[in-house]
Amino acid sequence: MNNKMNSASANPAACGGGSEQNAGFLFGINDSSRLATRSFNRSKTAGWLVAGAGLVVVTPSGVQAADRPQEPVEKPNILFILADDLGYGDLGCYGNTVIKTPVIDSLSQEGMRFTDFYAGASVSSPSRCCLMTGLHSGHARIRGNMCKTGGLEGEREGIPGKVRRANLQPEDRTIANVLHEQGYRTCLVNKWHLDGFDTTAGPLDRGFDEFYGWLIHEPRSHNFYPDVRWNNRERYEIPANQNGQRGDHNTDRSTDEAIAFLKRMAGGVTKEACDKAVATATGQPFFLYLAYNAPHVPLDAKDRKLYEQSGLPVTDQSYAALISHMDGCIGQVLQALNDLGLAENTLIVFASDNGGARAAQVETLKLNGPLRGWKGELFEGGIRVPVIVCWPGKVQAGTVSAEPAYFPDFFATFAALTGASAEGTDGVNLLPLLTGKTDTVSERIVYWEQYPNRGISQAVRMGDWKAIRLQENQPWLLFNLKTDPSETNDVASDHPEIVARLNQLATSAHTESPCWPVGD
């Protein structure tokens, strides 16, 4: 058994208790006694928080495409933490000197920090689709938050009229499906965003065993103080947030739901066992996908106390406070992993779904650091994101990789980790890179596309070269990211042969989508 087991008897306490009216089924979440403290006890998690002795920079020297199953080692648990609209420059470990993120910074010192990792897309739904399916945005089902044709029609909060959204279909194979088939207990906490307006396309319909969070078709469930939420398929109301009250912050509730899941898994107790008041210690590995809302707008921080004396404008204080609040809550999750004896056999990933958003309207903070562009753009600021991978005893502490990688690689990596196949997907297995068996990825392209009001925008990276075309009838821009990471110097006219090659690769990477027709 790869997880620490506790012998559990058939009693509700093994499921975490919880008796709040209208929300007692949250297994261990009781608002009247919600986690006695929100501070992170560093002394109990020294393994996560003590700074490493120094950085070892990984430089190019090949990771091959993961199209065949591999012999797995002991299956580790996987904890994937995803921030929402967190910019490349928002963390201390990525150069920020204002926003306080000690937990995430310390996590980077315990694992590998990527300098050139990319989201699947520059906005939420397509990026998460790439993450879940292992397909880049030229092949993926969902290629934008809203679609031009097809999908289902519904209301988007704050926008008059109807919009169309696509959703994952039953035939779309997610990493949750793969891991479930490999014996994992799969759980999503908080944001899915791949359901569109289809109530039959939720996480439980696409490979997850458990779901605690919000769905697109119910606007009351989206924000930082939702008064409606889902426990698996059951919609429930949050009393502390009814009638405009702000008593239960989304970041806190998501954290508590994640910790409750970890407690059940540490005791080998599944949700079904909780429902039946029967606990069975199974040693089942888990995949916990914890997708926070922070720091997405609206910037409804729980409080701004940490930054009230900082001299920052109020909007900047709120933005920073959302991130620091999430950082502290991640500390609680890591604390739980450690206390439950799960930390040593858990691979942890921290990432953001896309770049920082112009919509945050901050005045002084540089959300994307030195990078050009914002969320919604294919310049680096819209797609290059902070990514940290930590796996005790497997990933060397304090390493930094400058290898280009992106969200579809996680599908291939997790499949290889568990002996499954990633055939038909677009990523590569990063395990050799993560475990130090190689320091480079075999030459391949990294590709993105998105859809403005008309036409198509495309970007492709191969090695140090990146080409971007804002419209199909416009010329390609070309940048050498090694010497010009801020994309200030277009050198397309100096390297027509490289432009021609990348144009050919981008053309072959695109497949037509019925929901995003090019030219309409």
Protein backbone atom coordinates (compact mmCIF):
# COMPACT_ATOMS: atom_id res chain seq x y z
CA MET A 1 0.00 0.00 0.00
CA ASN A 2 1.50 3.25 -1.08
CA ASN A 3 -0.40 5.58 1.25
CA LYS A 4 -0.23 5.65 4.99
CA MET A 5 -3.20 3.68 6.27
CA ASN A 6 -5.27 4.01 9.40
CA SER A 7 -7.50 1.18 10.46
CA ALA A 8 -10.98 2.65 10.24
CA SER A 9 -14.17 1.31 11.69
CA ALA A 10 -17.61 1.84 10.27
CA ASN A 11 -18.57 5.16 11.80
CA PRO A 12 -19.35 8.61 10.42
CA ALA A 13 -16.37 10.14 12.21
CA ALA A 14 -14.08 8.29 9.82
CA CYS A 15 -15.60 10.43 7.08
CA GLY A 16 -14.71 13.69 8.77
CA GLY A 17 -17.97 14.54 10.53
CA GLY A 18 -19.57 17.84 9.48
CA SER A 19 -23.10 18.69 10.53
CA GLU A 20 -23.77 22.17 9.20
CA GLN A 21 -27.36 22.58 8.12
CA ASN A 22 -27.73 22.38 4.33
CA ALA A 23 -24.05 21.50 3.92
CA GLY A 24 -23.44 18.60 6.28
CA PHE A 25 -22.54 16.39 3.35
CA LEU A 26 -19.25 18.25 2.87
CA PHE A 27 -17.42 15.61 4.90
CA GLY A 28 -15.39 17.47 7.44
CA ILE A 29 -16.28 21.08 6.60
CA ASN A 30 -18.14 22.79 9.38
CA ASP A 31 -18.32 26.57 9.10
CA SER A 32 -18.78 27.04 12.84
CA SER A 33 -15.35 25.51 13.44
CA ARG A 34 -13.66 26.13 10.11
CA LEU A 35 -9.99 25.25 10.54
CA ALA A 36 -9.08 26.84 13.84
CA THR A 37 -6.28 28.82 12.23
CA ARG A 38 -5.48 30.04 8.74
CA SER A 39 -1.80 30.52 9.52
CA PHE A 40 0.70 28.04 8.17
CA ASN A 41 2.69 26.16 10.80
CA ARG A 42 6.16 26.17 9.31
CA SER A 43 7.67 24.01 12.03
CA LYS A 44 5.49 21.05 11.08
CA THR A 45 6.29 21.32 7.42
CA ALA A 46 9.96 22.12 7.41
CA GLY A 47 10.47 19.76 4.50
CA TRP A 48 8.30 22.03 2.35
CA LEU A 49 9.39 25.41 3.61
CA VAL A 50 13.08 25.32 4.44
CA ALA A 51 14.94 27.01 1.59
CA GLY A 52 17.18 24.85 -0.55
CA ALA A 53 20.94 25.16 -0.39
CA GLY A 54 21.05 26.72 -3.84
CA LEU A 55 19.79 26.51 -7.39
CA VAL A 56 21.05 24.05 -9.96
CA VAL A 57 20.28 25.40 -13.41
CA VAL A 58 19.23 22.74 -15.92
CA THR A 59 20.51 23.62 -19.38
CA PRO A 60 19.81 22.00 -22.76
CA SER A 61 21.80 18.74 -23.64
CA GLY A 62 15.99 14.11 -24.99
CA VAL A 63 12.67 13.44 -23.61
CA GLN A 64 10.73 11.46 -26.17
CA ALA A 65 7.03 11.57 -27.00
CA ALA A 66 5.01 9.37 -24.66
CA ASP A 67 2.99 7.34 -27.15
CA ARG A 68 3.55 3.98 -25.52
CA PRO A 69 2.81 2.78 -21.99
CA GLN A 70 5.82 2.44 -19.72
CA GLU A 71 6.50 0.19 -16.79
CA PRO A 72 5.32 2.19 -13.80
CA VAL A 73 7.07 2.56 -10.51
CA GLU A 74 4.99 2.64 -7.37
CA LYS A 75 2.08 4.89 -8.27
CA PRO A 76 2.38 8.21 -6.48
CA ASN A 77 -0.49 10.43 -5.49
CA ILE A 78 -0.85 13.51 -7.69
CA LEU A 79 -1.84 16.92 -6.36
CA PHE A 80 -2.32 19.47 -9.13
CA ILE A 81 -2.90 23.04 -7.89
CA LEU A 82 -4.04 25.56 -10.50
CA ALA A 83 -4.32 29.31 -9.98
CA ASP A 84 -6.64 31.40 -12.16
CA ASP A 85 -5.11 34.32 -14.12
CA LEU A 86 -1.93 34.34 -12.03
CA GLY A 87 0.74 36.18 -13.97
CA TYR A 88 4.27 35.00 -14.70
CA GLY A 89 5.65 37.72 -12.43
CA ASP A 90 3.27 37.39 -9.48
CA LEU A 91 5.39 35.10 -7.27
CA GLY A 92 8.50 35.78 -5.27
CA CYS A 93 10.26 32.80 -6.85
CA TYR A 94 9.65 34.44 -10.25
CA GLY A 95 11.06 37.78 -9.19
CA ASN A 96 8.16 39.56 -7.48
CA THR A 97 9.30 41.65 -4.50
CA VAL A 98 5.89 42.94 -3.39
CA ILE A 99 3.39 40.08 -3.24
CA LYS A 100 4.08 37.69 -0.37
CA THR A 101 4.03 34.04 -1.43
CA PRO A 102 6.31 32.21 1.04
CA VAL A 103 4.64 28.81 0.67
CA ILE A 104 4.80 28.63 -3.11
CA ASP A 105 8.31 30.08 -3.06
CA SER A 106 9.41 27.38 -0.63
CA LEU A 107 7.72 24.72 -2.76
CA SER A 108 9.89 25.86 -5.66
CA GLN A 109 12.97 25.36 -3.50
CA GLU A 110 11.90 21.79 -2.83
CA GLY A 111 11.38 20.90 -6.49
CA MET A 112 11.84 22.11 -10.06
CA ARG A 113 10.84 25.58 -11.23
CA PHE A 114 10.23 26.04 -14.95
CA THR A 115 11.11 29.34 -16.61
CA ASP A 116 9.62 28.50 -20.02
CA PHE A 117 6.45 26.55 -19.27
CA TYR A 118 3.27 27.45 -21.11
CA ALA A 119 -0.45 27.17 -20.53
CA GLY A 120 -2.56 25.42 -23.13
CA ALA A 121 -4.13 28.70 -24.23
CA SER A 122 -4.36 32.34 -23.26
CA VAL A 123 -7.80 32.02 -21.64
CA SER A 124 -9.42 29.61 -19.23
CA SER A 125 -11.61 27.03 -20.97
CA PRO A 126 -9.28 26.09 -23.85
CA SER A 127 -6.26 26.06 -21.54
CA ARG A 128 -7.98 23.67 -19.14
CA CYS A 129 -9.15 21.57 -22.08
CA CYS A 130 -5.52 21.19 -23.21
CA LEU A 131 -4.56 20.24 -19.66
CA MET A 132 -7.29 17.64 -19.29
CA THR A 133 -7.11 16.07 -22.77
CA GLY A 134 -3.43 16.41 -23.67
CA LEU A 135 -4.31 18.05 -26.99
CA HIS A 136 -3.05 21.46 -28.08
CA SER A 137 -5.50 24.13 -29.16
CA GLY A 138 -5.24 23.17 -32.83
CA HIS A 139 -6.65 19.73 -32.01
CA ALA A 140 -8.65 20.25 -28.82
CA ARG A 141 -12.43 20.21 -28.52
CA ILE A 142 -12.61 23.60 -26.76
CA ARG A 143 -10.67 26.46 -28.36
CA GLY A 144 -12.14 29.51 -26.67
CA ASN A 145 -14.29 30.53 -23.72
CA MET A 146 -17.13 31.19 -26.15
CA CYS A 147 -17.62 29.62 -29.56
CA LYS A 148 -18.78 31.06 -32.85
CA THR A 149 -21.19 28.30 -33.81
CA GLY A 150 -22.39 25.06 -32.24
CA GLY A 151 -22.13 24.41 -28.54
CA LEU A 152 -25.05 25.42 -26.36
CA GLU A 153 -26.51 28.85 -25.77
CA GLY A 154 -26.76 30.47 -22.35
CA GLU A 155 -26.24 33.62 -20.31
CA ARG A 156 -22.86 34.95 -19.32
CA GLU A 157 -22.94 37.04 -16.16
CA GLY A 158 -22.37 40.74 -16.80
CA ILE A 159 -22.92 40.48 -20.55
CA PRO A 160 -26.34 41.22 -22.09
CA GLY A 161 -27.82 38.60 -24.38
CA LYS A 162 -26.78 35.03 -25.05
CA VAL A 163 -23.40 33.45 -25.73
CA ARG A 164 -22.42 30.02 -27.00
CA ARG A 165 -20.06 27.67 -25.21
CA ALA A 166 -18.66 24.33 -26.27
CA ASN A 167 -18.10 21.50 -23.79
CA LEU A 168 -16.17 18.26 -23.56
CA GLN A 169 -18.01 15.37 -25.20
CA PRO A 170 -18.34 11.80 -23.86
CA GLU A 171 -15.75 10.58 -26.37
CA ASP A 172 -13.14 13.06 -25.11
CA ARG A 173 -10.62 11.17 -22.96
CA THR A 174 -9.40 13.19 -19.98
CA ILE A 175 -6.44 12.56 -17.72
CA ALA A 176 -9.01 11.89 -15.01
CA ASN A 177 -10.38 9.03 -17.15
CA VAL A 178 -6.87 7.65 -17.58
CA LEU A 179 -5.95 7.84 -13.92
CA HIS A 180 -9.31 6.40 -12.84
CA GLU A 181 -8.67 3.44 -15.16
CA GLN A 182 -5.25 3.05 -13.52
CA GLY A 183 -6.82 2.68 -10.08
CA TYR A 184 -6.69 6.28 -8.90
CA ARG A 185 -9.37 8.03 -6.89
CA THR A 186 -9.94 11.27 -8.84
CA CYS A 187 -11.28 14.47 -7.30
CA LEU A 188 -11.80 17.97 -8.64
CA VAL A 189 -12.20 20.86 -6.24
CA ASN A 190 -13.67 24.16 -7.39
CA LYS A 191 -13.33 25.18 -11.07
CA TRP A 192 -14.06 22.85 -14.01
CA HIS A 193 -15.00 25.25 -16.85
CA LEU A 194 -15.28 22.53 -19.48
CA ASP A 195 -19.01 21.98 -19.15
CA GLY A 196 -20.26 24.98 -21.11
CA PHE A 197 -24.00 25.10 -20.61
CA ASP A 198 -24.36 21.31 -20.78
CA THR A 199 -25.48 19.94 -17.43
CA THR A 200 -24.42 16.44 -18.51
CA ALA A 201 -20.77 17.46 -19.07
CA GLY A 202 -19.60 18.00 -15.52
CA PRO A 203 -16.47 16.54 -13.92
CA LEU A 204 -18.31 13.40 -12.79
CA ASP A 205 -19.23 12.76 -16.44
CA ARG A 206 -15.64 13.08 -17.61
CA GLY A 207 -13.57 10.86 -15.33
CA PHE A 208 -13.72 12.36 -11.85
CA ASP A 209 -15.01 10.30 -8.94
CA GLU A 210 -15.68 13.32 -6.74
CA PHE A 211 -16.46 16.98 -7.39
CA TYR A 212 -16.86 19.94 -5.04
CA GLY A 213 -17.17 23.26 -6.79
CA TRP A 214 -19.03 25.40 -9.29
CA LEU A 215 -20.47 25.01 -12.76
CA ILE A 216 -20.84 27.50 -15.61
CA HIS A 217 -24.62 27.28 -16.01
CA GLU A 218 -25.19 28.61 -12.48
CA PRO A 219 -23.79 32.19 -12.18
CA ARG A 220 -24.49 32.26 -8.45
CA SER A 221 -21.79 29.63 -7.98
CA HIS A 222 -18.94 31.44 -9.79
CA ASN A 223 -17.65 34.19 -7.52
CA PHE A 224 -15.52 34.47 -4.38
CA TYR A 225 -18.61 34.53 -2.14
CA PRO A 226 -20.92 32.05 -3.89
CA ASP A 227 -24.25 31.29 -2.30
CA VAL A 228 -24.64 28.12 -4.41
CA ARG A 229 -22.20 25.24 -4.90
CA TRP A 230 -22.10 21.58 -5.88
CA ASN A 231 -21.28 18.54 -3.81
CA ASN A 232 -20.89 15.97 -6.57
CA ARG A 233 -24.29 16.15 -8.29
CA GLU A 234 -26.10 17.82 -5.44
CA ARG A 235 -26.63 21.57 -5.62
CA TYR A 236 -26.64 23.22 -2.21
CA GLU A 237 -26.77 26.70 -0.76
CA ILE A 238 -24.14 28.31 1.47
CA PRO A 239 -25.97 30.03 4.34
CA ALA A 240 -23.12 32.42 5.18
CA ASN A 241 -23.30 33.96 1.70
CA GLN A 242 -27.05 34.31 1.26
CA ASN A 243 -28.59 37.71 0.50
CA GLY A 244 -25.28 39.35 -0.33
CA GLN A 245 -23.51 38.30 2.86
CA ARG A 246 -19.79 37.60 2.66
CA GLY A 247 -19.11 35.02 5.31
CA ASP A 248 -17.51 32.14 3.40
CA HIS A 249 -14.71 32.88 0.93
CA ASN A 250 -14.29 30.55 -2.04
CA THR A 251 -10.57 30.10 -1.40
CA ASP A 252 -11.24 28.91 2.15
CA ARG A 253 -14.05 26.57 1.17
CA SER A 254 -12.03 25.05 -1.67
CA THR A 255 -9.12 24.48 0.69
CA ASP A 256 -11.33 22.79 3.26
CA GLU A 257 -12.88 20.55 0.61
CA ALA A 258 -9.42 19.52 -0.58
CA ILE A 259 -8.22 18.76 2.94
CA ALA A 260 -11.36 16.76 3.69
CA PHE A 261 -10.64 14.64 0.61
CA LEU A 262 -7.03 14.09 1.73
CA LYS A 263 -8.20 13.00 5.16
CA ARG A 264 -10.52 10.44 3.64
CA MET A 265 -7.84 9.13 1.33
CA ALA A 266 -5.30 8.87 4.15
CA GLY A 267 -7.74 6.57 5.93
CA GLY A 268 -8.64 4.68 2.76
CA VAL A 269 -12.18 6.03 2.96
CA THR A 270 -14.01 6.76 -0.29
CA LYS A 271 -17.02 9.01 -0.63
CA GLU A 272 -19.23 5.97 -1.20
CA ALA A 273 -17.95 4.50 2.05
CA CYS A 274 -18.83 7.75 3.79
CA ASP A 275 -22.32 7.65 2.33
CA LYS A 276 -22.74 4.12 3.68
CA ALA A 277 -20.87 4.80 6.93
CA VAL A 278 -18.50 2.01 5.97
CA ALA A 279 -14.74 2.65 5.89
CA THR A 280 -12.32 0.41 4.06
CA ALA A 281 -8.57 1.03 4.00
CA THR A 282 -7.56 0.32 0.42
CA GLY A 283 -4.31 2.21 -0.18
CA GLN A 284 -5.82 3.70 -3.33
CA PRO A 285 -3.65 6.43 -4.89
CA PHE A 286 -5.38 9.72 -5.67
CA PHE A 287 -5.41 12.53 -8.19
CA LEU A 288 -6.57 15.75 -6.54
CA TYR A 289 -7.05 18.65 -8.94
CA LEU A 290 -7.42 21.79 -6.83
CA ALA A 291 -8.36 24.65 -9.15
CA TYR A 292 -8.61 27.92 -7.22
CA ASN A 293 -10.41 31.03 -8.49
CA ALA A 294 -7.66 33.41 -7.35
CA PRO A 295 -6.63 35.94 -8.49
CA HIS A 296 -9.33 36.17 -11.20
CA VAL A 297 -11.56 39.25 -11.18
CA PRO A 298 -13.60 40.47 -9.40
CA LEU A 299 -10.86 41.16 -6.87
CA ASP A 300 -12.94 40.24 -3.83
CA ALA A 301 -10.17 39.61 -1.33
CA LYS A 302 -11.13 38.26 2.07
CA ASP A 303 -9.23 41.20 3.55
CA ARG A 304 -6.32 43.49 2.66
CA LYS A 305 -4.67 43.61 6.08
CA LEU A 306 -1.36 42.28 4.82
CA TYR A 307 -1.04 45.18 2.38
CA GLU A 308 -2.89 48.07 4.01
CA GLN A 309 0.39 49.73 5.03
CA SER A 310 2.20 48.85 1.80
CA GLY A 311 1.49 52.06 -0.06
CA LEU A 312 -0.07 50.10 -2.89
CA PRO A 313 -3.25 51.42 -4.53
CA VAL A 314 -6.36 49.69 -3.23
CA THR A 315 -6.87 47.62 -6.37
CA ASP A 316 -3.28 46.39 -6.19
CA GLN A 317 -3.74 45.56 -2.50
CA SER A 318 -6.78 43.45 -3.30
CA TYR A 319 -4.99 41.61 -6.08
CA ALA A 320 -1.97 40.90 -3.90
CA ALA A 321 -4.20 39.84 -1.00
CA LEU A 322 -6.01 37.27 -3.15
CA ILE A 323 -2.69 35.69 -4.07
CA SER A 324 -1.30 35.71 -0.53
CA HIS A 325 -4.55 34.23 0.80
CA MET A 326 -4.30 31.41 -1.75
CA ASP A 327 -0.63 30.92 -0.85
CA GLY A 328 -1.51 30.49 2.84
CA CYS A 329 -4.29 28.06 1.96
CA ILE A 330 -1.91 26.01 -0.17
CA GLY A 331 0.22 25.88 2.96
CA GLN A 332 -2.68 24.30 4.80
CA VAL A 333 -3.04 21.66 2.10
CA LEU A 334 0.69 20.86 2.28
CA GLN A 335 0.41 20.77 6.07
CA ALA A 336 -2.37 18.20 5.75
CA LEU A 337 -0.33 16.10 3.32
CA ASN A 338 2.53 16.08 5.78
CA ASP A 339 0.44 15.40 8.88
CA LEU A 340 -1.42 12.57 7.15
CA GLY A 341 1.78 10.85 6.05
CA LEU A 342 1.04 11.42 2.36
CA ALA A 343 3.72 13.94 1.45
CA GLU A 344 6.56 11.55 0.63
CA ASN A 345 4.54 9.77 -2.03
CA THR A 346 2.81 12.75 -3.61
CA LEU A 347 3.85 14.51 -6.78
CA ILE A 348 2.80 18.16 -6.55
CA VAL A 349 2.32 20.57 -9.44
CA PHE A 350 1.57 24.26 -9.10
CA ALA A 351 0.61 26.24 -12.21
CA SER A 352 -1.58 29.02 -13.58
CA ASP A 353 -4.15 28.56 -16.34
CA ASN A 354 -2.93 31.56 -18.37
CA GLY A 355 -1.19 34.88 -17.96
CA GLY A 356 -2.18 37.82 -15.81
CA ALA A 357 -5.27 39.75 -16.90
CA ARG A 358 -5.53 43.35 -18.01
CA ALA A 359 -9.03 43.22 -16.47
CA ALA A 360 -7.46 43.24 -13.00
CA GLN A 361 -6.73 46.95 -13.66
CA VAL A 362 -3.81 47.10 -11.26
CA GLU A 363 -1.84 50.33 -11.25
CA THR A 364 1.67 49.42 -10.13
CA LEU A 365 2.05 45.65 -10.06
CA LYS A 366 3.69 44.03 -13.09
CA LEU A 367 1.59 40.89 -13.32
CA ASN A 368 3.52 39.28 -16.15
CA GLY A 369 6.93 40.56 -15.15
CA PRO A 370 9.07 41.43 -18.17
CA LEU A 371 6.83 39.62 -20.64
CA ARG A 372 4.82 41.32 -23.35
CA GLY A 373 1.06 40.93 -23.45
CA TRP A 374 -1.82 39.81 -21.28
CA LYS A 375 -4.37 37.07 -20.83
CA GLY A 376 -6.20 36.69 -24.12
CA GLU A 377 -3.07 37.31 -26.20
CA LEU A 378 -0.54 34.91 -27.71
CA PHE A 379 2.43 37.03 -26.73
CA GLU A 380 4.41 35.53 -23.85
CA GLY A 381 2.50 37.43 -21.17
CA GLY A 382 -0.70 35.64 -22.15
CA ILE A 383 0.61 32.08 -22.24
CA ARG A 384 3.91 31.69 -20.33
CA VAL A 385 3.03 30.78 -16.74
CA PRO A 386 4.71 29.87 -13.46
CA VAL A 387 5.01 26.10 -13.04
CA ILE A 388 6.61 24.22 -10.16
CA VAL A 389 6.88 20.45 -9.78
CA CYS A 390 7.83 18.85 -6.47
CA TRP A 391 8.21 15.12 -5.83
CA PRO A 392 10.24 14.17 -2.76
CA GLY A 393 13.15 11.91 -3.57
CA LYS A 394 12.47 12.02 -7.31
CA VAL A 395 12.74 15.67 -8.39
CA GLN A 396 15.95 17.28 -7.18
CA ALA A 397 15.30 20.19 -4.85
CA GLY A 398 16.21 23.64 -6.07
CA THR A 399 16.44 22.86 -9.79
CA VAL A 400 15.45 25.24 -12.55
CA SER A 401 14.60 24.17 -16.10
CA ALA A 402 14.56 26.48 -19.11
CA GLU A 403 13.16 23.78 -21.38
CA PRO A 404 9.99 24.79 -23.27
CA ALA A 405 7.04 22.70 -22.11
CA TYR A 406 3.27 23.14 -21.98
CA PHE A 407 0.03 21.81 -20.54
CA PRO A 408 -0.43 18.81 -22.90
CA ASP A 409 2.83 17.44 -21.47
CA PHE A 410 1.14 16.79 -18.14
CA PHE A 411 -1.22 14.27 -19.73
CA ALA A 412 1.69 12.37 -21.25
CA THR A 413 3.69 12.59 -18.03
CA PHE A 414 0.93 11.35 -15.76
CA ALA A 415 0.07 8.57 -18.20
CA ALA A 416 3.69 7.42 -18.25
CA LEU A 417 3.87 7.70 -14.48
CA THR A 418 1.07 5.16 -14.13
CA GLY A 419 1.89 2.87 -17.05
CA ALA A 420 -0.93 4.15 -19.27
CA SER A 421 -0.77 5.21 -22.91
CA ALA A 422 -0.87 8.79 -24.12
CA GLU A 423 -1.12 7.77 -27.77
CA GLY A 424 -2.96 10.30 -29.88
CA THR A 425 -2.14 13.27 -27.67
CA ASP A 426 0.23 16.17 -28.32
CA GLY A 427 2.45 16.25 -25.25
CA VAL A 428 5.70 14.59 -24.29
CA ASN A 429 6.57 12.65 -21.15
CA LEU A 430 8.55 14.97 -18.88
CA LEU A 431 9.52 12.30 -16.32
CA PRO A 432 13.11 11.94 -17.58
CA LEU A 433 13.51 15.71 -17.34
CA LEU A 434 11.92 15.92 -13.91
CA THR A 435 13.95 13.07 -12.46
CA GLY A 436 17.28 14.25 -13.86
CA LYS A 437 17.77 11.47 -16.43
CA THR A 438 18.04 14.12 -19.14
CA ASP A 439 18.16 17.88 -19.21
CA THR A 440 16.40 18.54 -22.50
CA VAL A 441 13.25 17.73 -24.45
CA SER A 442 13.61 16.31 -27.95
CA GLU A 443 12.99 18.89 -30.64
CA ARG A 444 9.29 19.50 -31.16
CA ILE A 445 6.94 22.42 -31.64
CA VAL A 446 4.71 24.00 -29.04
CA TYR A 447 1.58 25.40 -30.68
CA TRP A 448 -1.35 27.67 -29.81
CA GLU A 449 -4.26 29.18 -31.66
CA GLN A 450 -7.17 31.37 -30.72
CA TYR A 451 -10.03 33.11 -32.41
CA PRO A 452 -10.65 36.86 -32.56
CA ASN A 453 -13.95 38.17 -33.92
CA ARG A 454 -12.94 36.93 -37.35
CA GLY A 455 -10.21 34.59 -38.53
CA ILE A 456 -7.54 32.92 -36.45
CA SER A 457 -4.46 33.92 -34.45
CA GLN A 458 -1.59 31.45 -34.19
CA ALA A 459 1.70 31.08 -32.37
CA VAL A 460 4.34 28.39 -32.56
CA ARG A 461 7.58 27.86 -30.67
CA MET A 462 10.45 25.60 -31.71
CA GLY A 463 13.61 25.82 -29.65
CA ASP A 464 14.40 29.47 -29.00
CA TRP A 465 12.29 30.68 -31.94
CA LYS A 466 8.71 31.82 -31.63
CA ALA A 467 6.50 33.00 -34.47
CA ILE A 468 3.17 34.72 -33.92
CA ARG A 469 0.55 35.81 -36.43
CA LEU A 470 -2.33 37.92 -35.18
CA GLN A 471 -4.47 37.23 -38.25
CA GLU A 472 -4.19 34.78 -41.11
CA ASN A 473 -3.87 37.62 -43.63
CA GLN A 474 -1.11 39.33 -41.64
CA PRO A 475 2.62 38.58 -41.73
CA TRP A 476 4.31 36.44 -39.13
CA LEU A 477 6.32 38.10 -36.37
CA LEU A 478 9.46 36.23 -35.31
CA PHE A 479 11.28 36.47 -31.98
CA ASN A 480 14.35 34.79 -30.52
CA LEU A 481 13.15 34.18 -26.96
CA LYS A 482 16.63 33.36 -25.71
CA THR A 483 17.86 36.87 -26.43
CA ASP A 484 14.49 38.67 -26.50
CA PRO A 485 12.02 37.13 -24.00
CA SER A 486 10.02 40.38 -23.99
CA GLU A 487 9.32 40.06 -27.74
CA THR A 488 10.42 43.58 -28.58
CA ASN A 489 12.51 42.88 -31.68
CA ASP A 490 10.78 41.27 -34.67
CA VAL A 491 13.48 39.55 -36.74
CA ALA A 492 11.23 37.91 -39.34
CA SER A 493 12.86 39.79 -42.22
CA ASP A 494 16.28 38.53 -41.14
CA HIS A 495 15.26 34.85 -41.04
CA PRO A 496 12.75 34.12 -43.82
CA GLU A 497 13.68 30.43 -43.85
CA ILE A 498 12.75 30.07 -40.16
CA VAL A 499 9.47 31.91 -40.74
CA ALA A 500 8.67 29.61 -43.66
CA ARG A 501 9.40 26.52 -41.57
CA LEU A 502 7.31 27.68 -38.60
CA ASN A 503 4.48 28.69 -40.93
CA GLN A 504 4.50 25.17 -42.36
CA LEU A 505 4.44 23.64 -38.88
CA ALA A 506 1.62 25.91 -37.72
CA THR A 507 -0.43 25.08 -40.81
CA SER A 508 -0.05 21.35 -40.20
CA ALA A 509 -0.87 21.75 -36.48
CA HIS A 510 -4.29 23.27 -37.16
CA THR A 511 -7.36 21.11 -37.71
CA GLU A 512 -10.76 22.57 -38.48
CA SER A 513 -13.26 22.90 -35.65
CA PRO A 514 -17.02 23.04 -36.23
CA CYS A 515 -17.37 25.47 -33.33
CA TRP A 516 -14.57 27.80 -34.44
CA PRO A 517 -14.65 27.93 -38.25
CA VAL A 518 -11.84 29.99 -39.75
CA GLY A 519 -13.02 32.82 -42.00
CA ASP A 520 -16.46 33.20 -40.44
